[in-house]
């Protein structure tokens, strides 16, 4: 009887655990694109009143739908790397067995496209770009994640620039202004540095599987310095642009936020491998606060 019980325990799962499915789509990662979409709505200069459906639908699309899908796709494509770095994750641990990770990512891609269709031509085009970017980042044969330059760059633009522009376009029912496009692009470029710091947690697996992230190719200390410069320089340009556009108080607020980030960067650079997760919980909060300040500045220009 005990042999039968042991055999039953040893059999692999056929169905995923519900909690593991939630872990697979990583709700904590939904915030950046949702926040960027809200920044776009604010920057458009249009009132939210009468458009709450577009607001809520866009937030749902940017976060749970597209970002959640991208996390599922990434975990499926990274299952060998995760077995080295984080074997307790849903797929390598077996809590999401077989091809369930792939099925979830494909199903959510379809759901995202259906939701994006409801946002009009600009929203649907942005959704198509977001879905394509997610698969291009993770899946073979493209797998831009292998590059420490292209991978974080694509994610930064997808997480910050694309939803920002989408929010502005959806609410104004037209192409955003040049100022909105430029600031959204700068914050997306700066997010490259955030993504580079995020790569520190996968350093061991990336080394073994040939993913050439900046921490792998440059080493932790040089990669951290590059990440800090990439985060700081676009913000400095935003500050200069806002001053040029007669928004001195907004420029001063972002400058103060950048100065606080510089202090946090000094702490992180003492031990990048250990402190990168800490910085992602502190310095990044200052970064995205500056995004919203810039959005309100742009609202005044609209």
C-alpha atoms as a PDB file:
ATOM      1  CA  UNK A   1       0.000   0.000   0.000  1.00  0.00           C
ATOM      2  CA  UNK A   2       2.834   2.401   0.860  1.00  0.00           C
ATOM      3  CA  UNK A   3       4.484   1.688  -2.511  1.00  0.00           C
ATOM      4  CA  UNK A   4       1.304   2.780  -4.297  1.00  0.00           C
ATOM      5  CA  UNK A   5       1.178   5.965  -2.206  1.00  0.00           C
ATOM      6  CA  UNK A   6       4.804   6.759  -3.000  1.00  0.00           C
ATOM      7  CA  UNK A   7       4.187   6.197  -6.709  1.00  0.00           C
ATOM      8  CA  UNK A   8       1.207   8.561  -6.600  1.00  0.00           C
ATOM      9  CA  UNK A   9       3.299  11.264  -4.972  1.00  0.00           C
ATOM     10  CA  UNK A  10       6.033  10.840  -7.570  1.00  0.00           C
ATOM     11  CA  UNK A  11       3.723  11.248 -10.560  1.00  0.00           C
ATOM     12  CA  UNK A  12       4.053  14.644 -12.291  1.00  0.00           C
ATOM     13  CA  UNK A  13       1.175  17.097 -12.150  1.00  0.00           C
ATOM     14  CA  UNK A  14      -1.294  17.235 -15.047  1.00  0.00           C
ATOM     15  CA  UNK A  15      -2.924  20.537 -14.092  1.00  0.00           C
ATOM     16  CA  UNK A  16      -1.245  23.717 -12.854  1.00  0.00           C
ATOM     17  CA  UNK A  17      -1.723  25.075  -9.370  1.00  0.00           C
ATOM     18  CA  UNK A  18      -3.976  28.185  -9.436  1.00  0.00           C
ATOM     19  CA  UNK A  19      -1.562  30.106  -7.229  1.00  0.00           C
ATOM     20  CA  UNK A  20       1.335  29.115  -9.477  1.00  0.00           C
ATOM     21  CA  UNK A  21      -0.533  30.512 -12.501  1.00  0.00           C
ATOM     22  CA  UNK A  22      -0.845  33.843 -10.715  1.00  0.00           C
ATOM     23  CA  UNK A  23       2.849  33.732  -9.870  1.00  0.00           C
ATOM     24  CA  UNK A  24       3.603  32.960 -13.527  1.00  0.00           C
ATOM     25  CA  UNK A  25       2.120  36.257 -14.745  1.00  0.00           C
ATOM     26  CA  UNK A  26       3.845  38.211 -11.911  1.00  0.00           C
ATOM     27  CA  UNK A  27       1.365  40.908 -10.827  1.00  0.00           C
ATOM     28  CA  UNK A  28       4.188  42.936  -9.263  1.00  0.00           C
ATOM     29  CA  UNK A  29       5.578  43.641 -12.762  1.00  0.00           C
ATOM     30  CA  UNK A  30       2.313  45.102 -14.044  1.00  0.00           C
ATOM     31  CA  UNK A  31       2.778  48.443 -12.317  1.00  0.00           C
ATOM     32  CA  UNK A  32       5.363  50.116 -14.634  1.00  0.00           C
ATOM     33  CA  UNK A  33       3.340  49.877 -17.891  1.00  0.00           C
ATOM     34  CA  UNK A  34       0.107  50.710 -16.050  1.00  0.00           C
ATOM     35  CA  UNK A  35       1.779  53.778 -14.546  1.00  0.00           C
ATOM     36  CA  UNK A  36       3.205  54.783 -17.940  1.00  0.00           C
ATOM     37  CA  UNK A  37      -0.264  54.504 -19.508  1.00  0.00           C
ATOM     38  CA  UNK A  38      -1.594  56.806 -16.784  1.00  0.00           C
ATOM     39  CA  UNK A  39       1.262  59.215 -17.514  1.00  0.00           C
ATOM     40  CA  UNK A  40       0.159  59.278 -21.131  1.00  0.00           C
ATOM     41  CA  UNK A  41      -3.439  59.980 -20.148  1.00  0.00           C
ATOM     42  CA  UNK A  42      -2.315  62.889 -17.955  1.00  0.00           C
ATOM     43  CA  UNK A  43       0.086  64.229 -20.584  1.00  0.00           C
ATOM     44  CA  UNK A  44      -2.661  64.284 -23.225  1.00  0.00           C
ATOM     45  CA  UNK A  45      -4.261  67.260 -21.484  1.00  0.00           C
ATOM     46  CA  UNK A  46      -7.701  65.727 -21.942  1.00  0.00           C
ATOM     47  CA  UNK A  47     -10.175  65.331 -19.048  1.00  0.00           C
ATOM     48  CA  UNK A  48     -10.785  61.839 -17.699  1.00  0.00           C
ATOM     49  CA  UNK A  49     -14.482  62.556 -17.149  1.00  0.00           C
ATOM     50  CA  UNK A  50     -16.584  60.704 -19.682  1.00  0.00           C
ATOM     51  CA  UNK A  51     -13.650  58.476 -20.672  1.00  0.00           C
ATOM     52  CA  UNK A  52     -13.345  56.203 -17.641  1.00  0.00           C
ATOM     53  CA  UNK A  53     -13.951  53.142 -19.814  1.00  0.00           C
ATOM     54  CA  UNK A  54     -10.862  53.952 -21.886  1.00  0.00           C
ATOM     55  CA  UNK A  55      -8.877  54.647 -18.740  1.00  0.00           C
ATOM     56  CA  UNK A  56      -9.757  51.355 -17.048  1.00  0.00           C
ATOM     57  CA  UNK A  57      -9.523  49.278 -20.214  1.00  0.00           C
ATOM     58  CA  UNK A  58      -6.089  50.691 -21.033  1.00  0.00           C
ATOM     59  CA  UNK A  59      -4.787  50.031 -17.519  1.00  0.00           C
ATOM     60  CA  UNK A  60      -6.100  46.451 -17.705  1.00  0.00           C
ATOM     61  CA  UNK A  61      -4.514  46.003 -21.120  1.00  0.00           C
ATOM     62  CA  UNK A  62      -1.121  47.464 -20.191  1.00  0.00           C
ATOM     63  CA  UNK A  63      -0.825  45.524 -16.932  1.00  0.00           C
ATOM     64  CA  UNK A  64      -2.524  42.134 -16.576  1.00  0.00           C
ATOM     65  CA  UNK A  65      -3.060  41.483 -20.289  1.00  0.00           C
ATOM     66  CA  UNK A  66       0.113  42.493 -22.150  1.00  0.00           C
ATOM     67  CA  UNK A  67       2.622  42.625 -19.297  1.00  0.00           C
ATOM     68  CA  UNK A  68       1.205  39.471 -17.685  1.00  0.00           C
ATOM     69  CA  UNK A  69       1.383  37.710 -21.037  1.00  0.00           C
ATOM     70  CA  UNK A  70       4.984  38.817 -21.521  1.00  0.00           C
ATOM     71  CA  UNK A  71       5.918  37.362 -18.134  1.00  0.00           C
ATOM     72  CA  UNK A  72       4.336  34.014 -18.975  1.00  0.00           C
ATOM     73  CA  UNK A  73       6.088  33.957 -22.359  1.00  0.00           C
ATOM     74  CA  UNK A  74       9.407  34.857 -20.766  1.00  0.00           C
ATOM     75  CA  UNK A  75       9.113  32.164 -18.100  1.00  0.00           C
ATOM     76  CA  UNK A  76       8.266  29.551 -20.716  1.00  0.00           C
ATOM     77  CA  UNK A  77      11.201  30.514 -22.917  1.00  0.00           C
ATOM     78  CA  UNK A  78      13.510  30.833 -19.882  1.00  0.00           C
ATOM     79  CA  UNK A  79      12.601  27.543 -18.233  1.00  0.00           C
ATOM     80  CA  UNK A  80      16.130  26.106 -18.616  1.00  0.00           C
ATOM     81  CA  UNK A  81      17.752  29.276 -17.246  1.00  0.00           C
ATOM     82  CA  UNK A  82      15.259  29.461 -14.387  1.00  0.00           C
ATOM     83  CA  UNK A  83      16.024  25.846 -13.487  1.00  0.00           C
ATOM     84  CA  UNK A  84      19.525  27.124 -12.644  1.00  0.00           C
ATOM     85  CA  UNK A  85      18.749  30.571 -11.209  1.00  0.00           C
ATOM     86  CA  UNK A  86      15.375  30.058  -9.543  1.00  0.00           C
ATOM     87  CA  UNK A  87      14.295  26.385  -9.594  1.00  0.00           C
ATOM     88  CA  UNK A  88      11.316  27.165  -7.363  1.00  0.00           C
ATOM     89  CA  UNK A  89       9.610  29.221 -10.074  1.00  0.00           C
ATOM     90  CA  UNK A  90       6.306  27.837 -11.395  1.00  0.00           C
ATOM     91  CA  UNK A  91       7.568  26.071 -14.527  1.00  0.00           C
ATOM     92  CA  UNK A  92      10.886  24.505 -13.413  1.00  0.00           C
ATOM     93  CA  UNK A  93       9.316  23.491 -10.085  1.00  0.00           C
ATOM     94  CA  UNK A  94       6.583  21.576 -11.951  1.00  0.00           C
ATOM     95  CA  UNK A  95       3.742  23.555 -10.388  1.00  0.00           C
ATOM     96  CA  UNK A  96       2.892  24.699 -13.936  1.00  0.00           C
ATOM     97  CA  UNK A  97       3.555  21.399 -15.748  1.00  0.00           C
ATOM     98  CA  UNK A  98       4.061  20.377 -19.354  1.00  0.00           C
ATOM     99  CA  UNK A  99       3.272  23.044 -21.933  1.00  0.00           C
ATOM    100  CA  UNK A 100       0.851  24.940 -19.733  1.00  0.00           C
ATOM    101  CA  UNK A 101       3.182  27.929 -19.576  1.00  0.00           C
ATOM    102  CA  UNK A 102       3.151  28.169 -23.370  1.00  0.00           C
ATOM    103  CA  UNK A 103      -0.623  27.741 -23.550  1.00  0.00           C
ATOM    104  CA  UNK A 104      -1.164  30.531 -21.006  1.00  0.00           C
ATOM    105  CA  UNK A 105       1.132  32.904 -22.910  1.00  0.00           C
ATOM    106  CA  UNK A 106      -0.577  32.190 -26.251  1.00  0.00           C
ATOM    107  CA  UNK A 107      -4.084  32.517 -24.786  1.00  0.00           C
ATOM    108  CA  UNK A 108      -3.202  35.821 -23.111  1.00  0.00           C
ATOM    109  CA  UNK A 109      -1.751  37.111 -26.378  1.00  0.00           C
ATOM    110  CA  UNK A 110      -5.151  36.542 -27.973  1.00  0.00           C
ATOM    111  CA  UNK A 111      -6.971  38.187 -25.066  1.00  0.00           C
ATOM    112  CA  UNK A 112      -4.668  41.208 -25.260  1.00  0.00           C
ATOM    113  CA  UNK A 113      -5.380  41.668 -28.963  1.00  0.00           C
ATOM    114  CA  UNK A 114      -9.136  41.473 -28.378  1.00  0.00           C
ATOM    115  CA  UNK A 115      -8.907  44.100 -25.627  1.00  0.00           C
ATOM    116  CA  UNK A 116      -6.623  46.292 -27.728  1.00  0.00           C
ATOM    117  CA  UNK A 117      -9.201  46.275 -30.534  1.00  0.00           C
ATOM    118  CA  UNK A 118     -11.603  48.031 -28.155  1.00  0.00           C
ATOM    119  CA  UNK A 119      -9.203  50.986 -27.811  1.00  0.00           C
ATOM    120  CA  UNK A 120      -9.434  52.029 -31.451  1.00  0.00           C
ATOM    121  CA  UNK A 121      -6.733  52.019 -34.132  1.00  0.00           C
ATOM    122  CA  UNK A 122      -3.997  53.581 -31.997  1.00  0.00           C
ATOM    123  CA  UNK A 123      -4.672  51.261 -29.078  1.00  0.00           C
ATOM    124  CA  UNK A 124      -4.842  48.172 -31.281  1.00  0.00           C
ATOM    125  CA  UNK A 125      -1.632  49.064 -33.134  1.00  0.00           C
ATOM    126  CA  UNK A 126       0.147  49.585 -29.818  1.00  0.00           C
ATOM    127  CA  UNK A 127      -1.163  46.249 -28.529  1.00  0.00           C
ATOM    128  CA  UNK A 128       0.150  44.454 -31.624  1.00  0.00           C
ATOM    129  CA  UNK A 129       3.556  46.053 -31.088  1.00  0.00           C
ATOM    130  CA  UNK A 130       3.532  45.100 -27.411  1.00  0.00           C
ATOM    131  CA  UNK A 131       2.657  41.464 -28.098  1.00  0.00           C
ATOM    132  CA  UNK A 132       5.273  41.190 -30.855  1.00  0.00           C
ATOM    133  CA  UNK A 133       7.895  42.801 -28.618  1.00  0.00           C
ATOM    134  CA  UNK A 134       7.161  40.337 -25.809  1.00  0.00           C
ATOM    135  CA  UNK A 135       7.715  37.316 -28.044  1.00  0.00           C
ATOM    136  CA  UNK A 136      10.706  38.890 -29.825  1.00  0.00           C
ATOM    137  CA  UNK A 137      12.368  39.455 -26.455  1.00  0.00           C
ATOM    138  CA  UNK A 138      11.953  35.897 -25.191  1.00  0.00           C
ATOM    139  CA  UNK A 139      11.392  33.431 -28.033  1.00  0.00           C
ATOM    140  CA  UNK A 140      13.761  31.768 -30.470  1.00  0.00           C
ATOM    141  CA  UNK A 141      15.003  32.408 -33.054  1.00  0.00           C
ATOM    142  CA  UNK A 142      14.908  36.157 -32.350  1.00  0.00           C
ATOM    143  CA  UNK A 143      15.347  36.113 -28.542  1.00  0.00           C
ATOM    144  CA  UNK A 144      16.617  39.668 -28.137  1.00  0.00           C
ATOM    145  CA  UNK A 145      17.126  38.876 -24.470  1.00  0.00           C
ATOM    146  CA  UNK A 146      20.479  37.402 -25.468  1.00  0.00           C
ATOM    147  CA  UNK A 147      21.756  40.948 -26.102  1.00  0.00           C
ATOM    148  CA  UNK A 148      22.598  43.218 -23.195  1.00  0.00           C
ATOM    149  CA  UNK A 149      21.843  46.212 -25.418  1.00  0.00           C
ATOM    150  CA  UNK A 150      18.797  45.228 -27.483  1.00  0.00           C
ATOM    151  CA  UNK A 151      16.984  43.209 -24.807  1.00  0.00           C
ATOM    152  CA  UNK A 152      16.792  45.828 -22.039  1.00  0.00           C
ATOM    153  CA  UNK A 153      16.214  48.512 -24.664  1.00  0.00           C
ATOM    154  CA  UNK A 154      13.189  46.708 -26.066  1.00  0.00           C
ATOM    155  CA  UNK A 155      11.742  46.129 -22.599  1.00  0.00           C
ATOM    156  CA  UNK A 156      12.298  49.746 -21.564  1.00  0.00           C
ATOM    157  CA  UNK A 157      10.521  51.066 -24.640  1.00  0.00           C
ATOM    158  CA  UNK A 158       7.721  48.509 -24.236  1.00  0.00           C
ATOM    159  CA  UNK A 159       7.201  49.150 -20.521  1.00  0.00           C
ATOM    160  CA  UNK A 160       7.440  52.949 -20.546  1.00  0.00           C
ATOM    161  CA  UNK A 161       7.405  54.601 -23.973  1.00  0.00           C
ATOM    162  CA  UNK A 162       4.756  52.492 -25.705  1.00  0.00           C
ATOM    163  CA  UNK A 163       2.050  52.636 -23.006  1.00  0.00           C
ATOM    164  CA  UNK A 164       2.754  56.338 -22.409  1.00  0.00           C
ATOM    165  CA  UNK A 165       2.221  57.164 -26.091  1.00  0.00           C
ATOM    166  CA  UNK A 166      -0.801  54.855 -26.199  1.00  0.00           C
ATOM    167  CA  UNK A 167      -2.477  56.611 -23.279  1.00  0.00           C
ATOM    168  CA  UNK A 168      -1.930  60.006 -24.840  1.00  0.00           C
ATOM    169  CA  UNK A 169      -3.187  58.862 -28.244  1.00  0.00           C
ATOM    170  CA  UNK A 170      -6.252  57.020 -26.952  1.00  0.00           C
ATOM    171  CA  UNK A 171      -7.553  59.879 -24.824  1.00  0.00           C
ATOM    172  CA  UNK A 172      -6.881  62.590 -27.398  1.00  0.00           C
ATOM    173  CA  UNK A 173      -8.085  60.363 -30.288  1.00  0.00           C
ATOM    174  CA  UNK A 174      -5.078  61.367 -32.343  1.00  0.00           C
ATOM    175  CA  UNK A 175      -1.309  61.298 -32.566  1.00  0.00           C
ATOM    176  CA  UNK A 176       0.388  62.746 -29.456  1.00  0.00           C
ATOM    177  CA  UNK A 177       2.327  65.994 -29.647  1.00  0.00           C
ATOM    178  CA  UNK A 178       6.025  66.032 -30.397  1.00  0.00           C
ATOM    179  CA  UNK A 179       6.783  66.997 -26.808  1.00  0.00           C
ATOM    180  CA  UNK A 180       4.892  63.992 -25.466  1.00  0.00           C
ATOM    181  CA  UNK A 181       6.633  61.645 -27.891  1.00  0.00           C
ATOM    182  CA  UNK A 182      10.062  62.990 -26.987  1.00  0.00           C
ATOM    183  CA  UNK A 183       9.633  62.778 -23.207  1.00  0.00           C
ATOM    184  CA  UNK A 184       8.057  59.314 -23.435  1.00  0.00           C
ATOM    185  CA  UNK A 185      10.999  58.159 -25.557  1.00  0.00           C
ATOM    186  CA  UNK A 186      13.530  59.563 -23.089  1.00  0.00           C
ATOM    187  CA  UNK A 187      11.960  57.778 -20.138  1.00  0.00           C
ATOM    188  CA  UNK A 188      11.837  54.548 -22.153  1.00  0.00           C
ATOM    189  CA  UNK A 189      15.550  54.890 -22.926  1.00  0.00           C
ATOM    190  CA  UNK A 190      16.295  55.509 -19.257  1.00  0.00           C
ATOM    191  CA  UNK A 191      14.412  52.348 -18.341  1.00  0.00           C
ATOM    192  CA  UNK A 192      17.171  50.416 -20.143  1.00  0.00           C
ATOM    193  CA  UNK A 193      19.249  50.981 -17.026  1.00  0.00           C
ATOM    194  CA  UNK A 194      16.472  49.642 -14.790  1.00  0.00           C
ATOM    195  CA  UNK A 195      16.274  46.489 -16.893  1.00  0.00           C
ATOM    196  CA  UNK A 196      20.054  46.070 -16.710  1.00  0.00           C
ATOM    197  CA  UNK A 197      19.919  46.137 -12.912  1.00  0.00           C
ATOM    198  CA  UNK A 198      17.132  43.567 -13.083  1.00  0.00           C
ATOM    199  CA  UNK A 199      19.517  41.238 -14.951  1.00  0.00           C
ATOM    200  CA  UNK A 200      21.781  40.915 -11.904  1.00  0.00           C
ATOM    201  CA  UNK A 201      19.502  38.308 -10.333  1.00  0.00           C
ATOM    202  CA  UNK A 202      20.007  35.992 -13.342  1.00  0.00           C
ATOM    203  CA  UNK A 203      23.785  36.389 -13.592  1.00  0.00           C
ATOM    204  CA  UNK A 204      24.655  32.752 -12.826  1.00  0.00           C
ATOM    205  CA  UNK A 205      22.170  31.245 -15.279  1.00  0.00           C
ATOM    206  CA  UNK A 206      22.973  33.784 -17.988  1.00  0.00           C
ATOM    207  CA  UNK A 207      26.657  32.891 -17.763  1.00  0.00           C
ATOM    208  CA  UNK A 208      25.870  29.188 -18.205  1.00  0.00           C
ATOM    209  CA  UNK A 209      23.325  29.581 -21.013  1.00  0.00           C
ATOM    210  CA  UNK A 210      25.007  32.235 -23.165  1.00  0.00           C
ATOM    211  CA  UNK A 211      22.736  35.204 -22.453  1.00  0.00           C
ATOM    212  CA  UNK A 212      25.037  38.196 -22.937  1.00  0.00           C
ATOM    213  CA  UNK A 213      23.478  40.630 -20.499  1.00  0.00           C
ATOM    214  CA  UNK A 214      25.561  43.648 -19.498  1.00  0.00           C
ATOM    215  CA  UNK A 215      26.356  42.156 -16.067  1.00  0.00           C
ATOM    216  CA  UNK A 216      27.769  39.144 -17.940  1.00  0.00           C
ATOM    217  CA  UNK A 217      29.716  41.041 -20.623  1.00  0.00           C
ATOM    218  CA  UNK A 218      30.919  43.993 -18.541  1.00  0.00           C
ATOM    219  CA  UNK A 219      30.994  42.515 -15.066  1.00  0.00           C
ATOM    220  CA  UNK A 220      28.765  43.674 -12.204  1.00  0.00           C
ATOM    221  CA  UNK A 221      30.552  46.929 -11.331  1.00  0.00           C
ATOM    222  CA  UNK A 222      30.940  48.287 -14.855  1.00  0.00           C
ATOM    223  CA  UNK A 223      27.422  47.206 -15.792  1.00  0.00           C
ATOM    224  CA  UNK A 224      26.023  48.996 -12.741  1.00  0.00           C
ATOM    225  CA  UNK A 225      27.861  52.206 -13.648  1.00  0.00           C
ATOM    226  CA  UNK A 226      26.547  52.017 -17.206  1.00  0.00           C
ATOM    227  CA  UNK A 227      23.013  51.402 -15.912  1.00  0.00           C
ATOM    228  CA  UNK A 228      23.219  54.450 -13.638  1.00  0.00           C
ATOM    229  CA  UNK A 229      24.412  56.659 -16.491  1.00  0.00           C
ATOM    230  CA  UNK A 230      21.668  55.379 -18.801  1.00  0.00           C
ATOM    231  CA  UNK A 231      19.024  56.116 -16.157  1.00  0.00           C
ATOM    232  CA  UNK A 232      20.369  59.560 -15.273  1.00  0.00           C
ATOM    233  CA  UNK A 233      21.166  61.120 -18.654  1.00  0.00           C
ATOM    234  CA  UNK A 234      17.651  60.975 -20.175  1.00  0.00           C
ATOM    235  CA  UNK A 235      16.254  62.529 -17.004  1.00  0.00           C
ATOM    236  CA  UNK A 236      18.804  65.337 -17.272  1.00  0.00           C
ATOM    237  CA  UNK A 237      17.608  65.952 -20.838  1.00  0.00           C
ATOM    238  CA  UNK A 238      13.966  66.013 -19.630  1.00  0.00           C
ATOM    239  CA  UNK A 239      14.923  68.601 -16.997  1.00  0.00           C
ATOM    240  CA  UNK A 240      16.582  70.764 -19.645  1.00  0.00           C
ATOM    241  CA  UNK A 241      13.604  70.434 -21.992  1.00  0.00           C
ATOM    242  CA  UNK A 242      11.083  71.393 -19.307  1.00  0.00           C
ATOM    243  CA  UNK A 243      13.146  74.439 -18.425  1.00  0.00           C
ATOM    244  CA  UNK A 244      13.254  75.335 -22.123  1.00  0.00           C
ATOM    245  CA  UNK A 245       9.474  74.886 -22.364  1.00  0.00           C
ATOM    246  CA  UNK A 246       8.931  77.289 -19.460  1.00  0.00           C
ATOM    247  CA  UNK A 247       8.136  74.646 -16.878  1.00  0.00           C
ATOM    248  CA  UNK A 248      10.796  75.562 -14.280  1.00  0.00           C
ATOM    249  CA  UNK A 249       9.000  74.166 -11.219  1.00  0.00           C
ATOM    250  CA  UNK A 250       8.443  70.801 -12.835  1.00  0.00           C
ATOM    251  CA  UNK A 251      12.081  70.792 -13.953  1.00  0.00           C
ATOM    252  CA  UNK A 252      13.212  71.612 -10.416  1.00  0.00           C
ATOM    253  CA  UNK A 253      11.089  68.798  -8.951  1.00  0.00           C
ATOM    254  CA  UNK A 254      12.567  66.222 -11.336  1.00  0.00           C
ATOM    255  CA  UNK A 255      16.059  67.556 -10.617  1.00  0.00           C
ATOM    256  CA  UNK A 256      15.472  66.973  -6.895  1.00  0.00           C
ATOM    257  CA  UNK A 257      14.256  63.435  -7.631  1.00  0.00           C
ATOM    258  CA  UNK A 258      17.336  62.807  -9.775  1.00  0.00           C
ATOM    259  CA  UNK A 259      19.591  64.066  -6.974  1.00  0.00           C
ATOM    260  CA  UNK A 260      17.938  61.598  -4.588  1.00  0.00           C
ATOM    261  CA  UNK A 261      18.504  58.833  -7.141  1.00  0.00           C
ATOM    262  CA  UNK A 262      22.178  59.791  -7.317  1.00  0.00           C
ATOM    263  CA  UNK A 263      22.491  59.243  -3.566  1.00  0.00           C
ATOM    264  CA  UNK A 264      20.827  55.832  -3.900  1.00  0.00           C
ATOM    265  CA  UNK A 265      23.126  55.006  -6.822  1.00  0.00           C
ATOM    266  CA  UNK A 266      26.184  55.683  -4.643  1.00  0.00           C
ATOM    267  CA  UNK A 267      24.937  53.120  -2.140  1.00  0.00           C
ATOM    268  CA  UNK A 268      24.160  50.591  -4.875  1.00  0.00           C
ATOM    269  CA  UNK A 269      27.528  50.971  -6.590  1.00  0.00           C
ATOM    270  CA  UNK A 270      29.368  49.834  -3.460  1.00  0.00           C
ATOM    271  CA  UNK A 271      28.073  46.307  -4.043  1.00  0.00           C
ATOM    272  CA  UNK A 272      25.994  46.157  -7.252  1.00  0.00           C
ATOM    273  CA  UNK A 273      25.230  42.449  -7.172  1.00  0.00           C
ATOM    274  CA  UNK A 274      23.879  42.667  -3.625  1.00  0.00           C
ATOM    275  CA  UNK A 275      22.286  46.129  -3.805  1.00  0.00           C
ATOM    276  CA  UNK A 276      20.689  46.065  -7.286  1.00  0.00           C
ATOM    277  CA  UNK A 277      17.388  44.617  -5.943  1.00  0.00           C
ATOM    278  CA  UNK A 278      17.393  47.273  -3.208  1.00  0.00           C
ATOM    279  CA  UNK A 279      17.853  50.013  -5.779  1.00  0.00           C
ATOM    280  CA  UNK A 280      14.984  48.637  -7.852  1.00  0.00           C
ATOM    281  CA  UNK A 281      12.774  49.191  -4.815  1.00  0.00           C
ATOM    282  CA  UNK A 282      14.015  52.702  -4.004  1.00  0.00           C
ATOM    283  CA  UNK A 283      15.646  54.521  -6.899  1.00  0.00           C
ATOM    284  CA  UNK A 284      13.080  53.266  -9.394  1.00  0.00           C
ATOM    285  CA  UNK A 285      10.274  54.740  -7.276  1.00  0.00           C
ATOM    286  CA  UNK A 286      11.960  58.141  -7.600  1.00  0.00           C
ATOM    287  CA  UNK A 287      12.338  57.582 -11.352  1.00  0.00           C
ATOM    288  CA  UNK A 288       8.664  56.868 -11.967  1.00  0.00           C
ATOM    289  CA  UNK A 289       7.622  59.743  -9.716  1.00  0.00           C
ATOM    290  CA  UNK A 290       9.558  61.994 -12.067  1.00  0.00           C
ATOM    291  CA  UNK A 291       7.635  60.486 -14.968  1.00  0.00           C
ATOM    292  CA  UNK A 292       4.339  61.664 -13.537  1.00  0.00           C
ATOM    293  CA  UNK A 293       5.754  65.112 -12.763  1.00  0.00           C
ATOM    294  CA  UNK A 294       6.828  65.344 -16.415  1.00  0.00           C
ATOM    295  CA  UNK A 295       3.363  64.199 -17.517  1.00  0.00           C
ATOM    296  CA  UNK A 296       1.723  67.047 -15.604  1.00  0.00           C
ATOM    297  CA  UNK A 297       4.213  69.466 -17.152  1.00  0.00           C
ATOM    298  CA  UNK A 298       3.277  68.205 -20.605  1.00  0.00           C
ATOM    299  CA  UNK A 299      -0.411  68.540 -19.761  1.00  0.00           C
ATOM    300  CA  UNK A 300       0.166  72.244 -19.409  1.00  0.00           C
ATOM    301  CA  UNK A 301       1.721  72.324 -22.873  1.00  0.00           C
ATOM    302  CA  UNK A 302      -1.115  70.435 -24.576  1.00  0.00           C
END
